[in-house]
């Protein structure tokens, strides 16, 4: 452990042990400014995380946040953010692998008064049309290449924030992190601004098997809609539930426009439409349930799909993470 004050805290969650997050941590250890990072590992128990001397030496600080058994990724993220010590916090995932200049680019951009800064994203397992459908539904707006500049929304579970602004939410922080779309909208409503930084790049691993993807989309759609409508009147909830069948058409149109941007794989569009259509229908069913009935147990059920994504990705763990071949 190098000591001193870190410039950015990387919050990463594991539901079990260190092996689950090892791949991502190795990418963090390859960062150009790793000595300016605090690694915050959120886990059920500190005894499940074996922090080696070499790991502690690589980062400014390594902090283990033991939270006991948890069944919500938002709960774990909130716990990590509260225990972080750097002025900037960034969320990381066990299935998202940042390139070497990712941390430095985020830190430098946060020297300006942006409330949140996000990376551009690429598909870590692009050989499957199903993985492309999953990727486009979750990260299409930030697909590499994307231009730098102010933006309304940033990639969920992969973006960075000025910690002081998040701490202002106090007891509401966990609820705001249930769907970062809602958090981003609220930050802007309070006069804050968001920025997309193309110099920060990460590769996201996506579902490539239909069986786990379907329940994931259902629970994710329900959790999203419930979080978005948390403070709405019942009449507004029902209105959105009634209008939800339009979601697939609207989102297909947007995804097509995203793929037609310069440098993006426009030829992918006709081939990926069937998988996108299926995914959007399932997501829409989830959103109807979320608007009409609330979250139910969606967040708890979604939790089971948040980790060990390599089990569902039809992915060779070895060649894909070497991102510097670009």
Protein backbone atom coordinates (compact mmCIF):
# COMPACT_ATOMS: atom_id res chain seq x y z
CA UNK A 1 0.00 0.00 0.00
CA UNK A 2 1.55 3.27 -1.14
CA UNK A 3 -0.38 5.52 1.21
CA UNK A 4 -1.26 9.14 0.53
CA UNK A 5 -4.58 10.39 -0.74
CA UNK A 6 -5.91 8.53 -3.78
CA UNK A 7 -7.44 10.53 -6.62
CA UNK A 8 -10.09 7.98 -7.57
CA UNK A 9 -11.72 5.07 -5.74
CA UNK A 10 -12.69 2.04 -7.83
CA UNK A 11 -15.67 0.26 -6.25
CA UNK A 12 -16.02 -3.37 -7.28
CA UNK A 13 -18.38 -5.94 -5.79
CA UNK A 14 -18.08 -9.69 -5.35
CA UNK A 15 -20.80 -11.91 -3.89
CA UNK A 16 -18.25 -14.52 -2.84
CA UNK A 17 -14.47 -14.37 -3.15
CA UNK A 18 -11.61 -12.63 -4.91
CA UNK A 19 -11.52 -15.04 -7.84
CA UNK A 20 -14.79 -13.58 -9.16
CA UNK A 21 -13.22 -10.14 -9.65
CA UNK A 22 -9.66 -11.21 -10.41
CA UNK A 23 -9.92 -10.57 -14.17
CA UNK A 24 -11.08 -6.98 -13.70
CA UNK A 25 -8.58 -6.30 -10.93
CA UNK A 26 -5.79 -7.42 -13.25
CA UNK A 27 -6.93 -4.72 -15.69
CA UNK A 28 -6.93 -2.21 -12.85
CA UNK A 29 -3.38 -3.22 -11.98
CA UNK A 30 -2.44 -2.42 -15.59
CA UNK A 31 -3.70 1.17 -15.35
CA UNK A 32 -1.20 3.93 -16.12
CA UNK A 33 -2.12 5.66 -12.83
CA UNK A 34 -2.72 2.63 -10.60
CA UNK A 35 -0.72 4.29 -7.81
CA UNK A 36 -3.37 7.03 -7.69
CA UNK A 37 -6.24 4.58 -7.26
CA UNK A 38 -7.95 3.24 -4.20
CA UNK A 39 -9.38 -0.23 -4.74
CA UNK A 40 -12.58 -0.70 -2.74
CA UNK A 41 -13.74 -4.33 -2.71
CA UNK A 42 -17.25 -4.90 -1.38
CA UNK A 43 -17.83 -8.48 -0.22
CA UNK A 44 -19.91 -10.43 2.31
CA UNK A 45 -16.83 -11.04 4.45
CA UNK A 46 -13.28 -9.72 4.56
CA UNK A 47 -11.99 -13.25 5.21
CA UNK A 48 -13.17 -14.24 1.71
CA UNK A 49 -10.82 -11.69 0.12
CA UNK A 50 -7.15 -12.54 0.30
CA UNK A 51 -5.29 -9.29 -0.38
CA UNK A 52 -1.68 -10.05 -1.29
CA UNK A 53 1.26 -7.77 -0.59
CA UNK A 54 1.75 -7.28 -4.34
CA UNK A 55 -1.87 -6.15 -4.74
CA UNK A 56 -1.54 -3.66 -1.91
CA UNK A 57 1.71 -2.38 -3.39
CA UNK A 58 0.11 -1.66 -6.77
CA UNK A 59 -2.56 0.75 -5.52
CA UNK A 60 -2.57 3.83 -3.36
CA UNK A 61 -4.87 1.95 -0.98
CA UNK A 62 -6.85 -1.28 -0.85
CA UNK A 63 -9.98 -1.29 1.26
CA UNK A 64 -12.25 -4.26 1.99
CA UNK A 65 -15.86 -3.38 2.86
CA UNK A 66 -17.57 -6.33 4.54
CA UNK A 67 -21.35 -5.98 4.32
CA UNK A 68 -22.60 -9.46 5.19
CA UNK A 69 -25.01 -11.21 2.88
CA UNK A 70 -26.53 -8.83 0.33
CA UNK A 71 -28.95 -9.31 -2.54
CA UNK A 72 -28.80 -5.98 -4.33
CA UNK A 73 -25.95 -4.59 -6.39
CA UNK A 74 -27.14 -1.06 -5.53
CA UNK A 75 -26.84 -1.85 -1.82
CA UNK A 76 -23.27 -3.04 -2.30
CA UNK A 77 -22.31 -0.07 -4.49
CA UNK A 78 -23.71 2.36 -1.93
CA UNK A 79 -21.71 0.68 0.85
CA UNK A 80 -18.52 0.94 -1.19
CA UNK A 81 -19.10 4.57 -2.09
CA UNK A 82 -19.68 5.49 1.55
CA UNK A 83 -16.38 3.88 2.57
CA UNK A 84 -14.34 5.29 -0.33
CA UNK A 85 -11.85 8.03 0.48
CA UNK A 86 -11.10 9.60 -2.93
CA UNK A 87 -12.98 12.65 -4.28
CA UNK A 88 -13.99 10.64 -7.37
CA UNK A 89 -15.57 7.18 -7.32
CA UNK A 90 -16.02 4.87 -10.28
CA UNK A 91 -18.05 1.68 -10.44
CA UNK A 92 -16.48 -1.45 -11.90
CA UNK A 93 -17.83 -4.91 -12.76
CA UNK A 94 -16.42 -8.41 -12.79
CA UNK A 95 -17.36 -8.58 -16.50
CA UNK A 96 -16.14 -5.19 -17.73
CA UNK A 97 -12.45 -4.77 -18.53
CA UNK A 98 -10.98 -1.24 -18.71
CA UNK A 99 -8.09 -0.39 -20.99
CA UNK A 100 -4.85 0.90 -19.53
CA UNK A 101 -5.60 4.62 -19.93
CA UNK A 102 -9.16 4.39 -18.59
CA UNK A 103 -8.49 5.61 -15.04
CA UNK A 104 -6.17 8.41 -16.09
CA UNK A 105 -8.70 9.75 -18.59
CA UNK A 106 -11.50 9.75 -15.99
CA UNK A 107 -9.33 11.44 -13.37
CA UNK A 108 -8.19 14.16 -15.77
CA UNK A 109 -11.72 14.89 -16.95
CA UNK A 110 -12.93 15.15 -13.35
CA UNK A 111 -10.54 18.07 -12.82
CA UNK A 112 -13.29 19.98 -14.59
CA UNK A 113 -16.68 20.53 -12.93
CA UNK A 114 -18.47 17.52 -14.40
CA UNK A 115 -20.66 15.67 -11.92
CA UNK A 116 -20.19 12.35 -13.70
CA UNK A 117 -17.88 11.09 -16.44
CA UNK A 118 -18.39 7.86 -18.36
CA UNK A 119 -16.32 5.74 -20.74
CA UNK A 120 -17.04 4.49 -24.22
CA UNK A 121 -17.71 0.76 -24.39
CA UNK A 122 -16.94 -2.03 -26.79
CA UNK A 123 -18.25 -5.59 -27.02
CA UNK A 124 -15.85 -8.04 -25.35
CA UNK A 125 -17.48 -11.12 -26.97
CA UNK A 126 -18.60 -9.90 -30.41
CA UNK A 127 -18.75 -13.28 -32.19
CA UNK A 128 -22.39 -13.90 -31.24
CA UNK A 129 -25.42 -12.00 -32.56
CA UNK A 130 -27.09 -12.60 -29.20
CA UNK A 131 -24.18 -10.92 -27.42
CA UNK A 132 -24.50 -7.99 -29.81
CA UNK A 133 -28.22 -7.74 -29.05
CA UNK A 134 -27.53 -7.74 -25.32
CA UNK A 135 -24.76 -5.19 -25.77
CA UNK A 136 -26.84 -2.84 -27.92
CA UNK A 137 -29.75 -2.94 -25.47
CA UNK A 138 -27.49 -2.09 -22.55
CA UNK A 139 -24.66 -0.01 -24.01
CA UNK A 140 -25.56 0.95 -27.58
CA UNK A 141 -25.54 4.73 -27.01
CA UNK A 142 -21.90 4.57 -25.85
CA UNK A 143 -20.57 2.09 -28.38
CA UNK A 144 -17.07 2.91 -29.53
CA UNK A 145 -16.45 5.17 -31.38
CA UNK A 146 -18.47 7.90 -29.67
CA UNK A 147 -17.68 11.61 -29.65
CA UNK A 148 -16.50 13.42 -26.55
CA UNK A 149 -18.86 15.87 -24.96
CA UNK A 150 -21.74 16.63 -22.66
CA UNK A 151 -24.39 13.92 -22.60
CA UNK A 152 -27.65 13.18 -20.81
CA UNK A 153 -26.94 9.61 -19.68
CA UNK A 154 -23.84 7.50 -19.10
CA UNK A 155 -23.11 3.74 -18.99
CA UNK A 156 -24.60 2.18 -15.87
CA UNK A 157 -22.29 0.28 -13.48
CA UNK A 158 -19.28 1.67 -15.37
CA UNK A 159 -19.27 5.43 -14.80
CA UNK A 160 -17.50 7.77 -12.37
CA UNK A 161 -18.90 10.42 -10.04
CA UNK A 162 -17.76 13.16 -7.75
CA UNK A 163 -18.27 11.40 -4.44
CA UNK A 164 -19.48 14.51 -2.58
CA UNK A 165 -22.49 14.79 -4.90
CA UNK A 166 -23.43 11.16 -4.32
CA UNK A 167 -23.10 11.56 -0.56
CA UNK A 168 -25.70 14.34 -0.67
CA UNK A 169 -28.31 11.64 -1.36
CA UNK A 170 -27.65 10.24 2.11
CA UNK A 171 -30.15 7.43 2.80
CA UNK A 172 -31.54 7.71 -0.72
CA UNK A 173 -28.25 6.74 -2.35
CA UNK A 174 -29.05 3.05 -2.63
CA UNK A 175 -32.43 3.80 -4.23
CA UNK A 176 -30.83 6.19 -6.73
CA UNK A 177 -28.30 3.53 -7.72
CA UNK A 178 -30.99 0.97 -8.54
CA UNK A 179 -31.16 2.56 -12.00
CA UNK A 180 -28.42 5.06 -12.81
CA UNK A 181 -30.65 6.45 -15.56
CA UNK A 182 -32.70 7.93 -12.72
CA UNK A 183 -29.60 9.19 -10.91
CA UNK A 184 -28.32 10.91 -14.05
CA UNK A 185 -31.64 12.61 -14.63
CA UNK A 186 -31.77 13.82 -11.04
CA UNK A 187 -28.23 15.17 -11.15
CA UNK A 188 -29.11 17.20 -14.25
CA UNK A 189 -32.33 18.43 -12.66
CA UNK A 190 -30.14 19.82 -9.87
CA UNK A 191 -28.01 21.71 -12.38
CA UNK A 192 -25.11 19.26 -12.70
CA UNK A 193 -23.59 18.09 -15.99
CA UNK A 194 -22.41 14.75 -17.39
CA UNK A 195 -19.57 14.03 -19.83
CA UNK A 196 -18.65 11.12 -22.11
CA UNK A 197 -14.88 10.62 -22.32
CA UNK A 198 -13.73 8.55 -25.34
CA UNK A 199 -10.17 8.32 -23.96
CA UNK A 200 -11.62 6.09 -21.24
CA UNK A 201 -12.49 2.73 -22.81
CA UNK A 202 -13.79 -0.53 -21.42
CA UNK A 203 -14.86 -3.87 -22.92
CA UNK A 204 -18.12 -5.30 -21.60
CA UNK A 205 -18.91 -9.02 -21.57
CA UNK A 206 -22.47 -9.83 -22.62
CA UNK A 207 -24.98 -12.67 -22.55
CA UNK A 208 -24.63 -15.08 -25.45
CA UNK A 209 -27.12 -17.72 -24.28
CA UNK A 210 -30.87 -17.30 -24.53
CA UNK A 211 -31.88 -19.18 -21.35
CA UNK A 212 -30.27 -16.78 -18.84
CA UNK A 213 -30.78 -13.68 -21.00
CA UNK A 214 -34.60 -13.90 -20.93
CA UNK A 215 -35.07 -13.78 -17.14
CA UNK A 216 -32.29 -11.20 -16.86
CA UNK A 217 -34.11 -8.85 -19.25
CA UNK A 218 -37.43 -9.42 -17.51
CA UNK A 219 -36.07 -8.58 -14.06
CA UNK A 220 -33.93 -5.71 -15.37
CA UNK A 221 -36.89 -4.15 -17.16
CA UNK A 222 -39.07 -4.40 -14.07
CA UNK A 223 -36.39 -3.01 -11.73
CA UNK A 224 -35.70 -0.11 -14.12
CA UNK A 225 -39.34 0.88 -14.52
CA UNK A 226 -40.01 0.63 -10.79
CA UNK A 227 -36.99 2.81 -9.98
CA UNK A 228 -37.95 5.35 -12.62
CA UNK A 229 -41.54 5.56 -11.37
CA UNK A 230 -40.73 5.43 -7.65
CA UNK A 231 -42.18 8.87 -6.89
CA UNK A 232 -44.90 8.93 -9.56
CA UNK A 233 -48.63 9.00 -8.94
CA UNK A 234 -50.44 5.75 -9.68
CA UNK A 235 -52.23 7.31 -12.65
CA UNK A 236 -48.91 8.18 -14.28
CA UNK A 237 -47.58 4.68 -13.62
CA UNK A 238 -50.61 3.12 -15.33
CA UNK A 239 -50.30 5.52 -18.26
CA UNK A 240 -46.70 4.44 -18.85
CA UNK A 241 -47.66 0.78 -18.46
CA UNK A 242 -50.34 1.23 -21.12
CA UNK A 243 -47.87 2.92 -23.47
CA UNK A 244 -45.09 0.39 -22.91
CA UNK A 245 -45.92 -1.70 -26.05
CA UNK A 246 -44.44 1.16 -28.09
CA UNK A 247 -41.04 0.66 -26.42
CA UNK A 248 -39.71 -1.99 -28.87
CA UNK A 249 -40.45 0.19 -31.90
CA UNK A 250 -38.94 3.31 -30.37
CA UNK A 251 -35.82 1.52 -29.18
CA UNK A 252 -35.30 -0.33 -32.47
CA UNK A 253 -35.38 2.99 -34.27
CA UNK A 254 -32.84 4.45 -31.83
CA UNK A 255 -30.50 1.47 -32.06
CA UNK A 256 -30.59 1.62 -35.85
CA UNK A 257 -29.62 5.30 -35.67
CA UNK A 258 -26.80 4.46 -33.24
CA UNK A 259 -25.38 1.81 -35.55
CA UNK A 260 -25.39 4.23 -38.49
CA UNK A 261 -22.94 6.60 -36.80
CA UNK A 262 -19.51 6.77 -38.49
CA UNK A 263 -17.16 3.95 -37.58
CA UNK A 264 -19.83 1.65 -36.18
CA UNK A 265 -20.80 -1.75 -37.65
CA UNK A 266 -23.80 -0.64 -39.73
CA UNK A 267 -23.88 -4.02 -41.50
CA UNK A 268 -24.79 -5.60 -38.17
CA UNK A 269 -28.28 -4.09 -38.22
CA UNK A 270 -30.32 -6.51 -40.36
CA UNK A 271 -28.70 -9.59 -38.79
CA UNK A 272 -29.22 -8.54 -35.18
CA UNK A 273 -32.84 -7.36 -35.50
CA UNK A 274 -34.50 -10.73 -34.65
CA UNK A 275 -32.55 -11.08 -31.40
CA UNK A 276 -33.13 -7.42 -30.56
CA UNK A 277 -36.87 -7.80 -31.14
CA UNK A 278 -37.09 -10.80 -28.81
CA UNK A 279 -35.06 -9.02 -26.15
CA UNK A 280 -37.11 -5.85 -26.38
CA UNK A 281 -40.39 -7.72 -26.01
CA UNK A 282 -39.17 -9.40 -22.81
CA UNK A 283 -37.77 -6.13 -21.49
CA UNK A 284 -41.10 -4.43 -22.22
CA UNK A 285 -43.03 -7.08 -20.28
CA UNK A 286 -40.74 -6.38 -17.35
CA UNK A 287 -41.31 -2.64 -17.65
CA UNK A 288 -45.09 -3.08 -17.72
CA UNK A 289 -44.85 -5.05 -14.48
CA UNK A 290 -42.56 -2.43 -12.96
CA UNK A 291 -44.80 0.51 -13.82
CA UNK A 292 -48.02 -1.24 -12.82
CA UNK A 293 -46.95 -3.29 -9.80
CA UNK A 294 -43.60 -1.96 -8.65
CA UNK A 295 -40.29 -3.79 -8.32
CA UNK A 296 -41.53 -6.81 -6.41
CA UNK A 297 -38.51 -9.12 -6.03
CA UNK A 298 -36.95 -8.04 -9.33
CA UNK A 299 -33.78 -6.57 -7.82
CA UNK A 300 -33.19 -9.68 -5.75
CA UNK A 301 -33.75 -11.97 -8.73
CA UNK A 302 -31.60 -9.76 -10.97
CA UNK A 303 -28.74 -10.08 -8.51
CA UNK A 304 -28.20 -13.71 -9.52
CA UNK A 305 -27.26 -12.58 -13.06
CA UNK A 306 -24.99 -9.67 -12.12
CA UNK A 307 -21.90 -11.81 -11.58
CA UNK A 308 -20.01 -14.65 -13.27
CA UNK A 309 -21.11 -13.39 -16.68
CA UNK A 310 -18.44 -15.57 -18.31
CA UNK A 311 -20.70 -18.55 -17.62
CA UNK A 312 -23.23 -17.15 -20.08
CA UNK A 313 -20.95 -15.48 -22.62
CA UNK A 314 -19.51 -18.36 -24.67
CA UNK A 315 -16.22 -16.58 -24.16
CA UNK A 316 -12.60 -17.64 -23.99
CA UNK A 317 -11.29 -15.80 -20.94
CA UNK A 318 -7.76 -15.52 -22.25
CA UNK A 319 -7.53 -13.56 -25.53
CA UNK A 320 -10.40 -11.09 -25.14
CA UNK A 321 -9.15 -9.03 -22.19
CA UNK A 322 -5.91 -8.00 -23.90
CA UNK A 323 -7.38 -4.72 -25.01
CA UNK A 324 -4.21 -2.90 -25.95
CA UNK A 325 -4.01 -4.63 -29.34
CA UNK A 326 -6.09 -1.81 -30.81
